[in-house]
């Protein structure tokens, strides 16, 4: 006994799945870039609004560093990594060595964190943005099915 089966429209379905995968990568990549820029803005804002000790002009330990020259704030960057034209990752940070010293402290300097708190402060907004992007993708996929 022999059974023959044929699937009609398989090529069209495969193309549609490939398009959906590309749209998913694009939406998630965009959400990732937007999240990085939110973290960057929050880090810069935290430094700008950090209270200073009136005696020294420096920030209090545990608070973000206080802007004195603007070098740290101006050095905070967002770097977008791309693979095959798609966003594959982002980095928010600074190349200034003392940015790390301020964030984590040293033997002689107590920490004045600025990047990790910015990440944590933006986490709810960033998670909501990712959820929204995924919801839109699922909703749009349902409409085009």
N, C-alpha and C. Protein backbone atom coordinates (compact mmCIF):
# COMPACT_ATOMS: atom_id res chain seq x y z
N UNK A 1 0.84 -1.16 0.00
CA UNK A 1 0.00 0.00 0.00
C UNK A 1 0.89 1.23 0.00
N UNK A 2 0.45 2.29 -0.64
CA UNK A 2 1.26 3.49 -0.80
C UNK A 2 0.36 4.72 -0.63
N UNK A 3 0.88 5.70 0.12
CA UNK A 3 0.16 6.97 0.29
C UNK A 3 1.02 8.08 -0.27
N UNK A 4 0.43 8.94 -1.02
CA UNK A 4 1.11 10.12 -1.53
C UNK A 4 0.46 11.34 -0.90
N UNK A 5 1.31 12.27 -0.45
CA UNK A 5 0.79 13.52 0.13
C UNK A 5 1.46 14.68 -0.57
N UNK A 6 0.73 15.74 -0.68
CA UNK A 6 1.28 16.94 -1.30
C UNK A 6 0.80 18.13 -0.48
N UNK A 7 1.71 19.04 -0.19
CA UNK A 7 1.36 20.25 0.55
C UNK A 7 1.38 21.40 -0.43
N UNK A 8 0.24 22.04 -0.59
CA UNK A 8 0.16 23.18 -1.49
C UNK A 8 0.38 24.46 -0.69
N UNK A 9 1.13 25.37 -1.29
CA UNK A 9 1.36 26.66 -0.64
C UNK A 9 2.51 26.65 0.35
N UNK A 10 3.31 25.59 0.38
CA UNK A 10 4.42 25.50 1.33
C UNK A 10 5.45 26.59 1.08
N UNK A 11 5.75 26.87 -0.18
CA UNK A 11 6.71 27.94 -0.49
C UNK A 11 6.22 29.29 0.01
N UNK A 12 4.93 29.56 -0.18
CA UNK A 12 4.35 30.82 0.28
C UNK A 12 4.39 30.91 1.80
N UNK A 13 4.09 29.82 2.47
CA UNK A 13 4.14 29.79 3.94
C UNK A 13 5.56 30.01 4.44
N UNK A 14 6.53 29.39 3.81
CA UNK A 14 7.93 29.55 4.20
C UNK A 14 8.37 31.01 4.05
N UNK A 15 7.98 31.64 2.95
CA UNK A 15 8.32 33.05 2.73
C UNK A 15 7.68 33.93 3.80
N UNK A 16 6.43 33.63 4.14
CA UNK A 16 5.73 34.42 5.15
C UNK A 16 6.41 34.27 6.52
N UNK A 17 6.83 33.07 6.86
CA UNK A 17 7.53 32.83 8.13
C UNK A 17 8.86 33.58 8.14
N UNK A 18 9.57 33.55 7.03
CA UNK A 18 10.84 34.28 6.93
C UNK A 18 10.63 35.78 7.11
N UNK A 19 9.55 36.33 6.50
CA UNK A 19 9.23 37.75 6.65
C UNK A 19 8.92 38.08 8.10
N UNK A 20 8.16 37.21 8.76
CA UNK A 20 7.81 37.44 10.16
C UNK A 20 9.05 37.41 11.04
N UNK A 21 9.98 36.51 10.75
CA UNK A 21 11.22 36.44 11.52
C UNK A 21 12.03 37.72 11.36
N UNK A 22 12.09 38.24 10.15
CA UNK A 22 12.81 39.48 9.88
C UNK A 22 12.15 40.65 10.60
N UNK A 23 10.82 40.73 10.55
CA UNK A 23 10.09 41.79 11.24
C UNK A 23 10.31 41.70 12.75
N UNK A 24 10.36 40.48 13.27
CA UNK A 24 10.60 40.29 14.70
C UNK A 24 11.98 40.81 15.08
N UNK A 25 12.99 40.45 14.30
CA UNK A 25 14.35 40.94 14.57
C UNK A 25 14.40 42.46 14.52
N UNK A 26 13.73 43.05 13.55
CA UNK A 26 13.76 44.51 13.41
C UNK A 26 13.09 45.19 14.60
N UNK A 27 11.92 44.69 15.01
CA UNK A 27 11.20 45.32 16.12
C UNK A 27 11.96 45.17 17.44
N UNK A 28 12.49 44.00 17.68
CA UNK A 28 13.24 43.77 18.91
C UNK A 28 14.53 44.59 18.89
N UNK A 29 15.18 44.66 17.75
CA UNK A 29 16.38 45.48 17.62
C UNK A 29 16.11 46.94 17.91
N UNK A 30 15.01 47.44 17.37
CA UNK A 30 14.63 48.83 17.62
C UNK A 30 14.34 49.05 19.10
N UNK A 31 13.62 48.13 19.72
CA UNK A 31 13.32 48.24 21.15
C UNK A 31 14.61 48.22 21.97
N UNK A 32 15.57 47.42 21.56
CA UNK A 32 16.85 47.32 22.26
C UNK A 32 17.63 48.64 22.16
N UNK A 33 17.65 49.23 20.98
CA UNK A 33 18.35 50.51 20.79
C UNK A 33 17.66 51.60 21.61
N UNK A 34 16.33 51.64 21.57
CA UNK A 34 15.61 52.64 22.36
C UNK A 34 15.87 52.46 23.85
N UNK A 35 15.94 51.21 24.30
CA UNK A 35 16.23 50.93 25.71
C UNK A 35 17.60 51.47 26.09
N UNK A 36 18.58 51.27 25.23
CA UNK A 36 19.94 51.75 25.50
C UNK A 36 19.97 53.27 25.62
N UNK A 37 19.25 53.96 24.73
CA UNK A 37 19.24 55.42 24.80
C UNK A 37 18.49 55.92 26.03
N UNK A 38 17.48 55.19 26.50
CA UNK A 38 16.81 55.56 27.76
C UNK A 38 17.79 55.45 28.93
N UNK A 39 18.57 54.38 28.94
CA UNK A 39 19.56 54.19 30.01
C UNK A 39 20.61 55.30 29.95
N UNK A 40 21.08 55.62 28.76
CA UNK A 40 22.07 56.70 28.61
C UNK A 40 21.51 58.02 29.14
N UNK A 41 20.28 58.37 28.74
CA UNK A 41 19.67 59.63 29.21
C UNK A 41 19.52 59.65 30.72
N UNK A 42 19.11 58.51 31.29
CA UNK A 42 18.92 58.45 32.75
C UNK A 42 20.26 58.59 33.47
N UNK A 43 21.31 57.96 32.96
CA UNK A 43 22.63 58.07 33.59
C UNK A 43 23.10 59.52 33.57
N UNK A 44 22.96 60.19 32.43
CA UNK A 44 23.37 61.59 32.32
C UNK A 44 22.54 62.47 33.24
N UNK A 45 21.25 62.20 33.30
CA UNK A 45 20.36 62.99 34.15
C UNK A 45 20.69 62.80 35.63
N UNK A 46 20.98 61.57 36.03
CA UNK A 46 21.32 61.29 37.43
C UNK A 46 22.58 62.04 37.85
N UNK A 47 23.54 62.10 36.95
CA UNK A 47 24.78 62.83 37.26
C UNK A 47 24.48 64.32 37.37
N UNK A 48 23.65 64.83 36.49
CA UNK A 48 23.33 66.27 36.49
C UNK A 48 22.57 66.69 37.74
N UNK A 49 21.72 65.80 38.26
CA UNK A 49 20.89 66.19 39.41
C UNK A 49 21.44 65.69 40.76
N UNK A 50 22.61 65.08 40.75
CA UNK A 50 23.18 64.54 41.98
C UNK A 50 23.53 65.67 42.96
N UNK A 51 23.13 65.53 44.22
CA UNK A 51 23.44 66.57 45.19
C UNK A 51 24.94 66.57 45.54
N UNK A 52 25.45 67.75 45.83
CA UNK A 52 26.87 67.89 46.15
C UNK A 52 27.04 68.29 47.61
N UNK A 53 28.10 67.80 48.20
CA UNK A 53 28.48 68.21 49.55
C UNK A 53 28.96 69.67 49.44
N UNK A 54 28.34 70.60 50.17
CA UNK A 54 28.72 72.02 50.03
C UNK A 54 30.17 72.30 50.43
N UNK A 55 30.73 71.44 51.27
CA UNK A 55 32.12 71.66 51.69
C UNK A 55 33.12 71.27 50.61
N UNK A 56 32.83 70.17 49.90
CA UNK A 56 33.81 69.66 48.93
C UNK A 56 33.38 69.87 47.48
N UNK A 57 32.09 70.01 47.25
CA UNK A 57 31.58 70.10 45.88
C UNK A 57 31.41 68.75 45.22
N UNK A 58 31.81 67.68 45.92
CA UNK A 58 31.69 66.32 45.38
C UNK A 58 30.35 65.72 45.80
N UNK A 59 29.95 64.70 45.08
CA UNK A 59 28.71 64.01 45.44
C UNK A 59 28.94 63.19 46.72
N UNK A 60 27.83 62.82 47.32
CA UNK A 60 27.89 61.98 48.50
C UNK A 60 28.06 60.52 48.07
N UNK A 61 28.81 59.72 48.83
CA UNK A 61 28.93 58.30 48.49
C UNK A 61 27.54 57.66 48.38
N UNK A 62 27.39 56.79 47.40
CA UNK A 62 26.12 56.12 47.18
C UNK A 62 25.25 56.84 46.16
N UNK A 63 25.50 58.14 45.95
CA UNK A 63 24.79 58.90 44.92
C UNK A 63 25.62 58.90 43.64
N UNK A 64 24.97 59.24 42.55
CA UNK A 64 25.71 59.40 41.29
C UNK A 64 26.75 60.50 41.48
N UNK A 65 27.85 60.43 40.73
CA UNK A 65 28.84 61.50 40.84
C UNK A 65 28.24 62.83 40.40
N UNK A 66 28.72 63.90 40.97
CA UNK A 66 28.26 65.24 40.63
C UNK A 66 29.08 65.77 39.46
N UNK A 67 28.41 66.36 38.49
CA UNK A 67 29.12 66.95 37.35
C UNK A 67 30.04 68.06 37.84
N UNK A 68 31.30 67.97 37.43
CA UNK A 68 32.24 69.04 37.73
C UNK A 68 32.81 69.62 36.45
N UNK A 69 33.20 68.75 35.53
CA UNK A 69 33.74 69.23 34.26
C UNK A 69 32.86 68.85 33.06
N UNK A 70 31.98 67.88 33.23
CA UNK A 70 31.13 67.40 32.14
C UNK A 70 31.78 66.33 31.29
N UNK A 71 33.02 65.98 31.59
CA UNK A 71 33.73 65.00 30.78
C UNK A 71 33.04 63.63 30.86
N UNK A 72 32.69 63.19 32.06
CA UNK A 72 32.04 61.88 32.20
C UNK A 72 30.71 61.87 31.46
N UNK A 73 29.87 62.86 31.70
CA UNK A 73 28.56 62.92 31.05
C UNK A 73 28.70 62.88 29.53
N UNK A 74 29.64 63.65 29.02
CA UNK A 74 29.83 63.71 27.56
C UNK A 74 30.45 62.45 26.99
N UNK A 75 31.01 61.61 27.85
CA UNK A 75 31.65 60.39 27.36
C UNK A 75 30.70 59.19 27.35
N UNK A 76 29.51 59.33 27.91
CA UNK A 76 28.58 58.20 27.99
C UNK A 76 28.00 57.96 26.60
N UNK A 77 28.24 56.77 26.07
CA UNK A 77 27.87 56.47 24.69
C UNK A 77 26.91 55.28 24.61
N UNK A 78 26.29 55.16 23.46
CA UNK A 78 25.53 53.97 23.09
C UNK A 78 26.18 53.42 21.83
N UNK A 79 26.57 52.17 21.87
CA UNK A 79 27.17 51.51 20.71
C UNK A 79 26.22 50.39 20.26
N UNK A 80 25.84 50.41 19.00
CA UNK A 80 24.91 49.43 18.46
C UNK A 80 25.70 48.43 17.62
N UNK A 81 25.61 47.15 18.00
CA UNK A 81 26.25 46.08 17.23
C UNK A 81 25.25 45.55 16.22
N UNK A 82 25.73 45.31 15.01
CA UNK A 82 24.87 44.78 13.95
C UNK A 82 25.49 43.53 13.36
N UNK A 83 24.64 42.57 13.07
CA UNK A 83 25.05 41.35 12.38
C UNK A 83 24.09 41.17 11.21
N UNK A 84 24.63 41.12 10.02
CA UNK A 84 23.78 40.96 8.85
C UNK A 84 22.77 42.08 8.69
N UNK A 85 23.14 43.29 9.10
CA UNK A 85 22.25 44.43 8.98
C UNK A 85 21.23 44.55 10.10
N UNK A 86 21.18 43.57 10.99
CA UNK A 86 20.22 43.58 12.09
C UNK A 86 20.93 43.90 13.40
N UNK A 87 20.22 44.56 14.31
CA UNK A 87 20.77 44.86 15.63
C UNK A 87 20.96 43.53 16.37
N UNK A 88 22.17 43.30 16.84
CA UNK A 88 22.45 42.06 17.58
C UNK A 88 22.82 42.34 19.03
N UNK A 89 23.03 43.62 19.37
CA UNK A 89 23.35 43.96 20.75
C UNK A 89 23.63 45.45 20.87
N UNK A 90 23.58 45.92 22.09
CA UNK A 90 23.91 47.33 22.35
C UNK A 90 24.77 47.40 23.60
N UNK A 91 25.57 48.45 23.67
CA UNK A 91 26.40 48.72 24.84
C UNK A 91 26.19 50.16 25.25
N UNK A 92 26.01 50.37 26.54
CA UNK A 92 25.96 51.72 27.10
C UNK A 92 27.12 51.81 28.07
N UNK A 93 27.92 52.85 27.96
CA UNK A 93 29.05 52.96 28.88
C UNK A 93 29.92 54.16 28.58
N UNK A 94 31.13 54.09 29.12
CA UNK A 94 32.14 55.12 28.91
C UNK A 94 33.48 54.44 28.76
N UNK A 95 34.37 55.07 28.04
CA UNK A 95 35.74 54.57 27.92
C UNK A 95 36.65 55.17 28.99
N UNK A 96 36.11 56.09 29.79
CA UNK A 96 36.91 56.72 30.84
C UNK A 96 37.12 55.74 31.99
N UNK A 97 38.35 55.52 32.35
CA UNK A 97 38.67 54.58 33.43
C UNK A 97 38.02 55.01 34.74
N UNK A 98 37.98 56.32 35.00
CA UNK A 98 37.43 56.75 36.28
C UNK A 98 35.92 56.58 36.36
N UNK A 99 35.27 56.35 35.23
CA UNK A 99 33.84 56.02 35.26
C UNK A 99 33.60 54.73 36.02
N UNK A 100 34.49 53.78 35.81
CA UNK A 100 34.43 52.50 36.53
C UNK A 100 34.77 52.71 38.01
N UNK A 101 35.76 53.54 38.30
CA UNK A 101 36.13 53.81 39.68
C UNK A 101 34.97 54.45 40.43
N UNK A 102 34.29 55.38 39.78
CA UNK A 102 33.14 56.02 40.43
C UNK A 102 32.01 55.02 40.64
N UNK A 103 31.74 54.20 39.64
CA UNK A 103 30.64 53.22 39.73
C UNK A 103 30.84 52.24 40.88
N UNK A 104 32.04 51.69 40.99
CA UNK A 104 32.27 50.60 41.96
C UNK A 104 33.13 51.01 43.15
N UNK A 105 33.75 52.16 43.10
CA UNK A 105 34.62 52.60 44.18
C UNK A 105 36.02 52.00 44.05
N UNK A 106 36.89 52.47 44.92
CA UNK A 106 38.27 51.96 44.98
C UNK A 106 38.61 51.80 46.46
N UNK A 107 39.87 51.55 46.74
CA UNK A 107 40.29 51.45 48.14
C UNK A 107 40.08 52.78 48.87
N UNK A 108 40.22 53.87 48.15
CA UNK A 108 40.15 55.20 48.78
C UNK A 108 38.89 56.00 48.44
N UNK A 109 38.13 55.55 47.46
CA UNK A 109 36.91 56.27 47.04
C UNK A 109 35.71 55.35 47.20
N UNK A 110 34.70 55.85 47.91
CA UNK A 110 33.47 55.07 48.03
C UNK A 110 32.69 55.16 46.73
N UNK A 111 31.91 54.10 46.41
CA UNK A 111 31.18 54.08 45.14
C UNK A 111 30.19 55.24 44.99
N UNK A 112 30.13 55.73 43.79
CA UNK A 112 29.14 56.73 43.39
C UNK A 112 28.53 56.20 42.09
N UNK A 113 27.67 55.17 42.23
CA UNK A 113 27.17 54.47 41.04
C UNK A 113 26.28 55.36 40.16
N UNK A 114 26.45 55.20 38.88
CA UNK A 114 25.70 56.00 37.92
C UNK A 114 25.11 55.18 36.78
N UNK A 115 25.75 54.06 36.41
CA UNK A 115 25.26 53.27 35.27
C UNK A 115 24.28 52.17 35.70
N UNK A 116 24.65 51.39 36.69
CA UNK A 116 23.75 50.33 37.15
C UNK A 116 22.43 50.91 37.66
N UNK A 117 22.44 52.00 38.44
CA UNK A 117 21.16 52.58 38.84
C UNK A 117 20.32 53.07 37.65
N UNK A 118 20.97 53.58 36.62
CA UNK A 118 20.24 54.02 35.42
C UNK A 118 19.60 52.82 34.73
N UNK A 119 20.33 51.71 34.65
CA UNK A 119 19.78 50.48 34.08
C UNK A 119 18.57 50.03 34.89
N UNK A 120 18.72 50.00 36.20
CA UNK A 120 17.62 49.56 37.07
C UNK A 120 16.42 50.51 37.00
N UNK A 121 16.68 51.81 36.93
CA UNK A 121 15.59 52.79 36.87
C UNK A 121 14.79 52.65 35.58
N UNK A 122 15.45 52.28 34.51
CA UNK A 122 14.78 52.18 33.21
C UNK A 122 14.23 50.78 32.93
N UNK A 123 14.53 49.83 33.81
CA UNK A 123 14.10 48.45 33.58
C UNK A 123 12.58 48.33 33.36
N UNK A 124 11.73 48.94 34.20
CA UNK A 124 10.28 48.80 33.95
C UNK A 124 9.85 49.36 32.59
N UNK A 125 10.35 50.54 32.21
CA UNK A 125 10.00 51.11 30.90
C UNK A 125 10.52 50.26 29.77
N UNK A 126 11.74 49.76 29.92
CA UNK A 126 12.34 48.95 28.86
C UNK A 126 11.61 47.61 28.71
N UNK A 127 11.27 46.98 29.82
CA UNK A 127 10.51 45.72 29.73
C UNK A 127 9.15 45.96 29.10
N UNK A 128 8.51 47.04 29.45
CA UNK A 128 7.21 47.37 28.86
C UNK A 128 7.34 47.59 27.35
N UNK A 129 8.41 48.24 26.93
CA UNK A 129 8.63 48.47 25.50
C UNK A 129 8.84 47.15 24.76
N UNK A 130 9.59 46.22 25.37
CA UNK A 130 9.78 44.91 24.74
C UNK A 130 8.47 44.14 24.67
N UNK A 131 7.69 44.18 25.75
CA UNK A 131 6.39 43.50 25.75
C UNK A 131 5.48 44.09 24.67
N UNK A 132 5.48 45.40 24.56
CA UNK A 132 4.65 46.08 23.56
C UNK A 132 5.07 45.68 22.15
N UNK A 133 6.36 45.63 21.91
CA UNK A 133 6.87 45.23 20.58
C UNK A 133 6.44 43.80 20.27
N UNK A 134 6.55 42.91 21.24
CA UNK A 134 6.15 41.51 21.02
C UNK A 134 4.65 41.40 20.81
N UNK A 135 3.88 42.13 21.59
CA UNK A 135 2.42 42.11 21.45
C UNK A 135 2.03 42.57 20.05
N UNK A 136 2.65 43.64 19.57
CA UNK A 136 2.36 44.15 18.22
C UNK A 136 2.70 43.10 17.17
N UNK A 137 3.82 42.43 17.34
CA UNK A 137 4.21 41.38 16.37
C UNK A 137 3.19 40.25 16.35
N UNK A 138 2.77 39.81 17.51
CA UNK A 138 1.81 38.71 17.59
C UNK A 138 0.47 39.14 17.00
N UNK A 139 0.05 40.36 17.34
CA UNK A 139 -1.22 40.87 16.83
C UNK A 139 -1.17 40.99 15.31
N UNK A 140 -0.07 41.55 14.78
CA UNK A 140 0.07 41.71 13.34
C UNK A 140 0.15 40.34 12.64
N UNK A 141 0.81 39.38 13.27
CA UNK A 141 0.90 38.04 12.69
C UNK A 141 -0.47 37.39 12.61
N UNK A 142 -1.29 37.63 13.63
CA UNK A 142 -2.65 37.07 13.63
C UNK A 142 -3.50 37.64 12.53
N UNK A 143 -3.31 38.93 12.23
CA UNK A 143 -4.08 39.58 11.17
C UNK A 143 -3.66 39.10 9.78
N UNK A 144 -2.38 38.80 9.64
CA UNK A 144 -1.90 38.43 8.29
C UNK A 144 -1.95 36.93 8.06
N UNK A 145 -2.38 36.18 9.05
CA UNK A 145 -2.41 34.71 8.89
C UNK A 145 -3.53 34.27 7.97
